[in-house]
C-alpha atoms as a PDB file:
ATOM      1  CA  MET A   1       0.000   0.000   0.000  1.00  0.00           C
ATOM      2  CA  ALA A   2       1.358   3.449  -0.960  1.00  0.00           C
ATOM      3  CA  ALA A   3       2.180   5.827   1.878  1.00  0.00           C
ATOM      4  CA  GLU A   4      -0.379   8.566   2.441  1.00  0.00           C
ATOM      5  CA  VAL A   5       0.750  11.932   1.091  1.00  0.00           C
ATOM      6  CA  GLY A   6       0.267  14.768   3.567  1.00  0.00           C
ATOM      7  CA  LYS A   7      -1.277  18.164   3.051  1.00  0.00           C
ATOM      8  CA  ILE A   8       0.852  20.907   1.547  1.00  0.00           C
ATOM      9  CA  ASP A   9       2.432  23.031   4.256  1.00  0.00           C
ATOM     10  CA  GLY A  10       5.197  25.571   4.667  1.00  0.00           C
ATOM     11  CA  ALA A  11       7.871  22.889   4.655  1.00  0.00           C
ATOM     12  CA  THR A  12       6.550  21.605   1.317  1.00  0.00           C
ATOM     13  CA  VAL A  13       6.807  25.058  -0.234  1.00  0.00           C
ATOM     14  CA  ARG A  14      10.246  25.705   1.264  1.00  0.00           C
ATOM     15  CA  ASP A  15      11.554  22.428  -0.143  1.00  0.00           C
ATOM     16  CA  ASP A  16      10.110  23.292  -3.550  1.00  0.00           C
ATOM     17  CA  PHE A  17      11.845  26.679  -3.531  1.00  0.00           C
ATOM     18  CA  ASN A  18      15.146  25.123  -2.460  1.00  0.00           C
ATOM     19  CA  ALA A  19      15.016  22.602  -5.316  1.00  0.00           C
ATOM     20  CA  ILE A  20      17.924  23.236  -7.668  1.00  0.00           C
ATOM     21  CA  SER A  21      15.733  23.674 -10.769  1.00  0.00           C
ATOM     22  CA  THR A  22      13.634  26.325  -8.999  1.00  0.00           C
ATOM     23  CA  VAL A  23      16.677  28.148  -7.628  1.00  0.00           C
ATOM     24  CA  ILE A  24      18.169  28.268 -11.134  1.00  0.00           C
ATOM     25  CA  HIS A  25      14.902  29.604 -12.573  1.00  0.00           C
ATOM     26  CA  TYR A  26      14.658  32.463 -10.077  1.00  0.00           C
ATOM     27  CA  THR A  27      18.387  33.185 -10.267  1.00  0.00           C
ATOM     28  CA  ARG A  28      18.158  33.626 -14.033  1.00  0.00           C
ATOM     29  CA  ALA A  29      15.235  36.009 -13.545  1.00  0.00           C
ATOM     30  CA  ALA A  30      17.247  38.003 -11.012  1.00  0.00           C
ATOM     31  CA  HIS A  31      20.240  38.255 -13.342  1.00  0.00           C
ATOM     32  CA  PHE A  32      18.499  38.859 -16.650  1.00  0.00           C
ATOM     33  CA  LEU A  33      14.927  40.016 -16.020  1.00  0.00           C
ATOM     34  CA  GLY A  34      15.166  42.482 -13.158  1.00  0.00           C
ATOM     35  CA  LEU A  35      12.455  44.784 -11.919  1.00  0.00           C
ATOM     36  CA  TRP A  36       9.226  44.765 -13.914  1.00  0.00           C
ATOM     37  CA  ALA A  37       8.036  48.032 -15.421  1.00  0.00           C
ATOM     38  CA  SER A  38       4.760  47.705 -13.500  1.00  0.00           C
ATOM     39  CA  GLU A  39       6.595  47.167 -10.210  1.00  0.00           C
ATOM     40  CA  ARG A  40       8.753  50.231 -10.803  1.00  0.00           C
ATOM     41  CA  VAL A  41       5.748  52.418 -11.648  1.00  0.00           C
ATOM     42  CA  LEU A  42       3.741  51.366  -8.612  1.00  0.00           C
ATOM     43  CA  ILE A  43       6.587  51.433  -6.097  1.00  0.00           C
ATOM     44  CA  GLU A  44       7.727  54.880  -7.213  1.00  0.00           C
ATOM     45  CA  ARG A  45       4.131  56.051  -6.922  1.00  0.00           C
ATOM     46  CA  CYS A  46       3.763  54.703  -3.375  1.00  0.00           C
ATOM     47  CA  PHE A  47       7.279  55.633  -2.266  1.00  0.00           C
ATOM     48  CA  PRO A  48       8.341  58.889  -3.967  1.00  0.00           C
ATOM     49  CA  ASP A  49      10.941  59.360  -1.223  1.00  0.00           C
ATOM     50  CA  LYS A  50      13.636  56.865  -2.161  1.00  0.00           C
ATOM     51  CA  SER A  51      15.174  57.072   1.282  1.00  0.00           C
ATOM     52  CA  ALA A  52      12.140  55.192   2.631  1.00  0.00           C
ATOM     53  CA  ARG A  53      13.028  52.166   4.743  1.00  0.00           C
ATOM     54  CA  LEU A  54      11.451  49.273   2.846  1.00  0.00           C
ATOM     55  CA  LEU A  55      10.992  45.597   3.658  1.00  0.00           C
ATOM     56  CA  GLU A  56      10.591  43.037   0.880  1.00  0.00           C
ATOM     57  CA  ALA A  57       9.130  39.683   1.908  1.00  0.00           C
ATOM     58  CA  GLY A  58       9.684  36.607  -0.235  1.00  0.00           C
ATOM     59  CA  CYS A  59      12.536  38.211  -2.163  1.00  0.00           C
ATOM     60  CA  GLY A  60      13.623  35.011  -3.918  1.00  0.00           C
ATOM     61  CA  ALA A  61      17.004  35.347  -5.632  1.00  0.00           C
ATOM     62  CA  GLY A  62      16.963  39.146  -5.372  1.00  0.00           C
ATOM     63  CA  ARG A  63      15.300  40.124  -8.641  1.00  0.00           C
ATOM     64  CA  ALA A  64      13.186  42.985  -7.296  1.00  0.00           C
ATOM     65  CA  ALA A  65      15.468  44.020  -4.419  1.00  0.00           C
ATOM     66  CA  VAL A  66      18.520  44.456  -6.640  1.00  0.00           C
ATOM     67  CA  GLY A  67      16.378  46.219  -9.237  1.00  0.00           C
ATOM     68  CA  LEU A  68      15.062  48.619  -6.600  1.00  0.00           C
ATOM     69  CA  TRP A  69      18.579  49.303  -5.350  1.00  0.00           C
ATOM     70  CA  HIS A  70      19.540  50.364  -8.877  1.00  0.00           C
ATOM     71  CA  GLN A  71      16.478  52.653  -8.898  1.00  0.00           C
ATOM     72  CA  GLY A  72      17.864  54.455  -5.850  1.00  0.00           C
ATOM     73  CA  TYR A  73      16.123  52.603  -2.994  1.00  0.00           C
ATOM     74  CA  HIS A  74      19.182  51.974  -0.859  1.00  0.00           C
ATOM     75  CA  ASN A  75      17.438  51.609   2.514  1.00  0.00           C
ATOM     76  CA  LEU A  76      16.070  48.167   1.751  1.00  0.00           C
ATOM     77  CA  THR A  77      15.926  44.904   3.691  1.00  0.00           C
ATOM     78  CA  ALA A  78      14.801  41.732   1.920  1.00  0.00           C
ATOM     79  CA  PHE A  79      14.128  38.228   3.214  1.00  0.00           C
ATOM     80  CA  ASP A  80      13.074  34.794   2.061  1.00  0.00           C
ATOM     81  CA  PHE A  81      12.531  31.526   3.917  1.00  0.00           C
ATOM     82  CA  ALA A  82      14.435  29.451   1.329  1.00  0.00           C
ATOM     83  CA  SER A  83      18.162  29.321   2.068  1.00  0.00           C
ATOM     84  CA  GLY A  84      19.012  28.562  -1.565  1.00  0.00           C
ATOM     85  CA  MET A  85      17.299  31.741  -2.707  1.00  0.00           C
ATOM     86  CA  ILE A  86      19.014  33.943  -0.127  1.00  0.00           C
ATOM     87  CA  GLU A  87      22.418  32.540  -1.075  1.00  0.00           C
ATOM     88  CA  GLN A  88      21.808  33.479  -4.707  1.00  0.00           C
ATOM     89  CA  ALA A  89      20.498  36.940  -3.775  1.00  0.00           C
ATOM     90  CA  ARG A  90      23.615  37.677  -1.741  1.00  0.00           C
ATOM     91  CA  ASN A  91      25.820  36.433  -4.568  1.00  0.00           C
ATOM     92  CA  LEU A  92      24.045  38.683  -7.066  1.00  0.00           C
ATOM     93  CA  ALA A  93      24.474  41.756  -4.852  1.00  0.00           C
ATOM     94  CA  ALA A  94      28.150  40.949  -4.333  1.00  0.00           C
ATOM     95  CA  GLU A  95      28.746  40.446  -8.072  1.00  0.00           C
ATOM     96  CA  GLN A  96      27.284  43.888  -8.752  1.00  0.00           C
ATOM     97  CA  GLY A  97      29.262  45.578  -5.996  1.00  0.00           C
ATOM     98  CA  ILE A  98      26.120  46.500  -4.069  1.00  0.00           C
ATOM     99  CA  VAL A  99      26.781  47.598  -0.504  1.00  0.00           C
ATOM    100  CA  GLY A 100      24.125  48.022   2.183  1.00  0.00           C
ATOM    101  CA  LEU A 101      21.411  45.817   0.694  1.00  0.00           C
ATOM    102  CA  THR A 102      20.499  43.359   3.453  1.00  0.00           C
ATOM    103  CA  PHE A 103      19.301  39.841   2.626  1.00  0.00           C
ATOM    104  CA  LEU A 104      18.056  37.664   5.480  1.00  0.00           C
ATOM    105  CA  GLN A 105      16.654  34.181   5.802  1.00  0.00           C
ATOM    106  CA  ALA A 106      13.343  34.526   7.642  1.00  0.00           C
ATOM    107  CA  ASP A 107       9.766  33.233   7.627  1.00  0.00           C
ATOM    108  CA  ALA A 108       7.043  35.838   7.024  1.00  0.00           C
ATOM    109  CA  THR A 109       4.815  34.119   9.568  1.00  0.00           C
ATOM    110  CA  ARG A 110       7.485  34.298  12.317  1.00  0.00           C
ATOM    111  CA  LEU A 111       9.358  37.565  11.975  1.00  0.00           C
ATOM    112  CA  SER A 112       9.919  37.730  15.740  1.00  0.00           C
ATOM    113  CA  GLU A 113      12.489  34.949  15.288  1.00  0.00           C
ATOM    114  CA  CYS A 114      14.676  37.373  13.291  1.00  0.00           C
ATOM    115  CA  PRO A 115      15.829  40.139  15.702  1.00  0.00           C
ATOM    116  CA  ILE A 116      16.924  42.505  12.919  1.00  0.00           C
ATOM    117  CA  LEU A 117      13.390  42.523  11.524  1.00  0.00           C
ATOM    118  CA  ASP A 118      11.677  42.487  14.881  1.00  0.00           C
ATOM    119  CA  ASP A 119      13.536  45.574  16.133  1.00  0.00           C
ATOM    120  CA  THR A 120      12.928  47.789  13.086  1.00  0.00           C
ATOM    121  CA  LEU A 121       9.962  49.906  12.000  1.00  0.00           C
ATOM    122  CA  PHE A 122       9.714  50.056   8.218  1.00  0.00           C
ATOM    123  CA  ASP A 123       8.150  52.754   6.054  1.00  0.00           C
ATOM    124  CA  GLY A 124       6.531  50.163   3.810  1.00  0.00           C
ATOM    125  CA  SER A 125       6.457  46.500   2.863  1.00  0.00           C
ATOM    126  CA  LEU A 126       6.398  44.574  -0.397  1.00  0.00           C
ATOM    127  CA  PHE A 127       5.377  40.980  -1.137  1.00  0.00           C
ATOM    128  CA  LEU A 128       5.852  40.718  -4.893  1.00  0.00           C
ATOM    129  CA  PHE A 129       5.404  37.988  -7.529  1.00  0.00           C
ATOM    130  CA  ASN A 130       2.508  36.373  -5.661  1.00  0.00           C
ATOM    131  CA  GLY A 131       4.699  35.425  -2.715  1.00  0.00           C
ATOM    132  CA  LEU A 132       1.970  35.967  -0.132  1.00  0.00           C
ATOM    133  CA  MET A 133      -0.282  33.576  -2.033  1.00  0.00           C
ATOM    134  CA  GLN A 134       2.366  30.873  -1.904  1.00  0.00           C
ATOM    135  CA  ILE A 135       1.835  30.527   1.839  1.00  0.00           C
ATOM    136  CA  PRO A 136      -0.473  27.525   2.356  1.00  0.00           C
ATOM    137  CA  GLY A 137      -3.499  28.136   4.557  1.00  0.00           C
ATOM    138  CA  ARG A 138      -5.561  31.299   4.934  1.00  0.00           C
ATOM    139  CA  GLU A 139      -4.748  31.695   8.621  1.00  0.00           C
ATOM    140  CA  ASN A 140      -1.048  31.432   7.812  1.00  0.00           C
ATOM    141  CA  ARG A 141      -1.376  34.151   5.165  1.00  0.00           C
ATOM    142  CA  ARG A 142      -3.176  36.302   7.710  1.00  0.00           C
ATOM    143  CA  THR A 143      -0.383  35.683  10.194  1.00  0.00           C
ATOM    144  CA  ALA A 144       2.161  36.911   7.640  1.00  0.00           C
ATOM    145  CA  MET A 145       0.046  40.017   6.992  1.00  0.00           C
ATOM    146  CA  ARG A 146      -0.143  40.692  10.743  1.00  0.00           C
ATOM    147  CA  GLU A 147       3.606  40.249  11.086  1.00  0.00           C
ATOM    148  CA  LEU A 148       4.322  42.712   8.283  1.00  0.00           C
ATOM    149  CA  HIS A 149       1.800  45.098   9.823  1.00  0.00           C
ATOM    150  CA  ARG A 150       3.566  44.827  13.183  1.00  0.00           C
ATOM    151  CA  VAL A 151       6.999  45.792  11.836  1.00  0.00           C
ATOM    152  CA  CYS A 152       5.741  48.772   9.800  1.00  0.00           C
ATOM    153  CA  ARG A 153       5.097  52.299  11.027  1.00  0.00           C
ATOM    154  CA  PRO A 154       1.537  53.723  11.039  1.00  0.00           C
ATOM    155  CA  GLY A 155       0.518  54.840   7.565  1.00  0.00           C
ATOM    156  CA  ALA A 156       3.033  52.545   5.830  1.00  0.00           C
ATOM    157  CA  PRO A 157       1.949  51.206   2.417  1.00  0.00           C
ATOM    158  CA  PHE A 158       1.802  47.472   1.712  1.00  0.00           C
ATOM    159  CA  ILE A 159       2.068  46.258  -1.902  1.00  0.00           C
ATOM    160  CA  PHE A 160       1.476  42.632  -2.857  1.00  0.00           C
ATOM    161  CA  THR A 161       0.249  40.642  -5.824  1.00  0.00           C
ATOM    162  CA  SER A 162      -2.004  37.702  -6.538  1.00  0.00           C
ATOM    163  CA  HIS A 163      -3.519  35.874  -9.441  1.00  0.00           C
ATOM    164  CA  ASP A 164      -7.234  36.450  -9.853  1.00  0.00           C
ATOM    165  CA  ARG A 165      -9.748  33.632  -9.352  1.00  0.00           C
ATOM    166  CA  GLU A 166     -12.479  35.876 -10.776  1.00  0.00           C
ATOM    167  CA  GLU A 167     -10.708  36.243 -14.114  1.00  0.00           C
ATOM    168  CA  PRO A 168     -13.508  35.580 -16.673  1.00  0.00           C
ATOM    169  CA  ARG A 169     -11.311  33.323 -18.799  1.00  0.00           C
ATOM    170  CA  GLU A 170     -10.831  31.046 -15.779  1.00  0.00           C
ATOM    171  CA  ALA A 171     -14.535  30.724 -14.928  1.00  0.00           C
ATOM    172  CA  LYS A 172     -15.009  27.324 -16.583  1.00  0.00           C
ATOM    173  CA  ALA A 173     -11.896  25.846 -14.987  1.00  0.00           C
ATOM    174  CA  TRP A 174     -12.942  27.005 -11.510  1.00  0.00           C
ATOM    175  CA  ALA A 175     -16.487  25.714 -12.007  1.00  0.00           C
ATOM    176  CA  GLU A 176     -15.015  22.308 -12.804  1.00  0.00           C
ATOM    177  CA  GLU A 177     -12.745  22.551  -9.748  1.00  0.00           C
ATOM    178  CA  ALA A 178     -15.739  23.452  -7.548  1.00  0.00           C
ATOM    179  CA  ALA A 179     -17.512  20.329  -8.787  1.00  0.00           C
ATOM    180  CA  ARG A 180     -14.480  18.228  -7.841  1.00  0.00           C
ATOM    181  CA  TRP A 181     -14.443  19.731  -4.330  1.00  0.00           C
ATOM    182  CA  ALA A 182     -18.179  19.120  -3.957  1.00  0.00           C
ATOM    183  CA  CYS A 183     -17.590  15.430  -4.705  1.00  0.00           C
ATOM    184  CA  GLY A 184     -14.423  15.194  -2.619  1.00  0.00           C
ATOM    185  CA  GLU A 185     -12.369  14.494  -5.741  1.00  0.00           C
ATOM    186  CA  GLN A 186      -9.969  17.435  -5.496  1.00  0.00           C
ATOM    187  CA  ASN A 187      -6.232  16.989  -5.046  1.00  0.00           C
ATOM    188  CA  PRO A 188      -6.093  15.577  -1.479  1.00  0.00           C
ATOM    189  CA  ARG A 189      -2.990  17.626  -0.709  1.00  0.00           C
ATOM    190  CA  LEU A 190      -4.821  20.962  -1.108  1.00  0.00           C
ATOM    191  CA  LEU A 191      -6.046  22.795   1.983  1.00  0.00           C
ATOM    192  CA  GLU A 192      -8.644  25.208   0.608  1.00  0.00           C
ATOM    193  CA  PHE A 193     -10.698  25.910  -2.482  1.00  0.00           C
ATOM    194  CA  GLY A 194      -8.631  28.272  -4.596  1.00  0.00           C
ATOM    195  CA  ASP A 195      -5.405  26.318  -4.034  1.00  0.00           C
ATOM    196  CA  ARG A 196      -3.374  24.937  -6.898  1.00  0.00           C
ATOM    197  CA  TYR A 197      -0.316  22.700  -6.807  1.00  0.00           C
ATOM    198  CA  PHE A 198       1.265  21.888 -10.117  1.00  0.00           C
ATOM    199  CA  ALA A 199       4.442  20.624 -11.731  1.00  0.00           C
ATOM    200  CA  HIS A 200       6.255  22.478 -14.507  1.00  0.00           C
ATOM    201  CA  GLU A 201       9.672  22.522 -16.137  1.00  0.00           C
ATOM    202  CA  HIS A 202      11.164  24.522 -13.249  1.00  0.00           C
ATOM    203  CA  GLY A 203       9.811  22.375 -10.421  1.00  0.00           C
ATOM    204  CA  GLN A 204       6.665  22.331  -8.294  1.00  0.00           C
ATOM    205  CA  THR A 205       4.559  25.368  -7.358  1.00  0.00           C
ATOM    206  CA  PHE A 206       1.893  25.930  -4.751  1.00  0.00           C
ATOM    207  CA  MET A 207      -0.371  28.929  -5.339  1.00  0.00           C
ATOM    208  CA  HIS A 208      -3.591  30.163  -3.779  1.00  0.00           C
ATOM    209  CA  LEU A 209      -5.816  32.208  -6.075  1.00  0.00           C
ATOM    210  CA  PRO A 210      -8.129  34.423  -4.016  1.00  0.00           C
ATOM    211  CA  GLU A 211     -11.375  36.209  -4.725  1.00  0.00           C
ATOM    212  CA  ARG A 212     -11.573  39.958  -4.182  1.00  0.00           C
ATOM    213  CA  ARG A 213     -13.828  39.539  -1.142  1.00  0.00           C
ATOM    214  CA  GLU A 214     -11.330  37.201   0.477  1.00  0.00           C
ATOM    215  CA  VAL A 215      -8.451  39.652   0.113  1.00  0.00           C
ATOM    216  CA  LEU A 216     -10.504  42.550   1.454  1.00  0.00           C
ATOM    217  CA  GLU A 217     -11.535  40.496   4.492  1.00  0.00           C
ATOM    218  CA  ASP A 218      -7.939  39.456   5.149  1.00  0.00           C
ATOM    219  CA  LEU A 219      -6.699  43.038   4.959  1.00  0.00           C
ATOM    220  CA  ALA A 220      -9.412  44.252   7.327  1.00  0.00           C
ATOM    221  CA  VAL A 221      -8.767  41.663  10.040  1.00  0.00           C
ATOM    222  CA  THR A 222      -4.986  42.126   9.919  1.00  0.00           C
ATOM    223  CA  GLY A 223      -4.960  45.892  10.378  1.00  0.00           C
ATOM    224  CA  TRP A 224      -4.502  47.059   6.801  1.00  0.00           C
ATOM    225  CA  ARG A 225      -6.791  49.563   5.058  1.00  0.00           C
ATOM    226  CA  PHE A 226      -7.431  48.666   1.429  1.00  0.00           C
ATOM    227  CA  GLU A 227      -6.657  51.510  -0.981  1.00  0.00           C
ATOM    228  CA  HIS A 228      -6.459  50.265  -4.544  1.00  0.00           C
ATOM    229  CA  THR A 229      -6.095  47.277  -6.836  1.00  0.00           C
ATOM    230  CA  THR A 230      -5.037  47.118 -10.463  1.00  0.00           C
ATOM    231  CA  LEU A 231      -3.895  44.567 -13.003  1.00  0.00           C
ATOM    232  CA  ARG A 232      -0.239  44.485 -13.951  1.00  0.00           C
ATOM    233  CA  ASP A 233      -0.924  45.029 -17.643  1.00  0.00           C
ATOM    234  CA  ASP A 234      -2.982  48.135 -16.848  1.00  0.00           C
ATOM    235  CA  LEU A 235       0.001  49.683 -15.065  1.00  0.00           C
ATOM    236  CA  ALA A 236       2.646  49.305 -17.752  1.00  0.00           C
ATOM    237  CA  THR A 237       3.544  47.503 -20.945  1.00  0.00           C
ATOM    238  CA  GLU A 238       5.860  44.711 -19.934  1.00  0.00           C
ATOM    239  CA  SER A 239       8.604  43.236 -22.073  1.00  0.00           C
ATOM    240  CA  MET A 240       8.121  39.915 -23.811  1.00  0.00           C
ATOM    241  CA  ALA A 241      10.579  38.391 -21.328  1.00  0.00           C
ATOM    242  CA  VAL A 242       8.406  39.438 -18.375  1.00  0.00           C
ATOM    243  CA  ARG A 243       5.235  38.178 -20.041  1.00  0.00           C
ATOM    244  CA  GLU A 244       6.892  34.835 -20.721  1.00  0.00           C
ATOM    245  CA  PHE A 245       8.086  34.666 -17.108  1.00  0.00           C
ATOM    246  CA  SER A 246       4.689  35.408 -15.571  1.00  0.00           C
ATOM    247  CA  ASP A 247       1.045  35.693 -16.551  1.00  0.00           C
ATOM    248  CA  ASN A 248      -0.818  38.890 -15.818  1.00  0.00           C
ATOM    249  CA  CYS A 249      -1.358  39.398 -12.088  1.00  0.00           C
ATOM    250  CA  ARG A 250      -3.179  41.783  -9.755  1.00  0.00           C
ATOM    251  CA  PHE A 251      -1.457  44.359  -7.568  1.00  0.00           C
ATOM    252  CA  TRP A 252      -3.020  45.229  -4.235  1.00  0.00           C
ATOM    253  CA  ILE A 253      -2.175  48.407  -2.312  1.00  0.00           C
ATOM    254  CA  ALA A 254      -3.102  48.811   1.342  1.00  0.00           C
ATOM    255  CA  ARG A 255      -1.955  51.014   4.215  1.00  0.00           C
ATOM    256  CA  LYS A 256      -1.312  50.356   7.890  1.00  0.00           C
ATOM    257  CA  ILE A 257      -4.094  51.813  10.014  1.00  0.00           C
END
């Protein structure tokens, strides 16, 4: 009899991100793709003062953090829970002669375990490339949102992204998935409706796709005031390389109450 496969949890996702094929994929993006045009537009809009003390959660191999440093945001701390990603991010910064960009290994749901993060008040936080939605379990995502809220000053902006379960082109696929859940025939490793776990050429990926109502509820109960949401492709025209790297996604902007 085959061994029972457990539910997807944080350890599952961490192992997936530490897999060599995934590390290579994100490292290539950090070296050759850099900051998206949409990310640059939105971050400069939310943080016109480039001396702002920013915290990037789920920084991966340093793609956005290094890109922001080159845009003049030199007061930046970035962290990821995957050791392989942080090693590559530090290597990238060193190769480019970047000084003062801090990369830490930390878990967004347990920032108190990292004294540097726990003792600092940031002017804003970022959770880009759907990183927040790669935390399995709604309560765990809420914990991460509360942790980021705790280490930010009052009025600090919070920018994050998600894919959109209410995308009209996905309606048929989600109706079929709802039917599977109703019959108990969904992937037994998934925790909640809206979860996906899939294999691809770069490894395995867990992703939760939320509805708008869900995100608004999560922001409200974790101390963030919703301000605005917009699709990536409505913010800027991305290069072909970016569009091949990632489908369109939704940016969310909130502010610490």
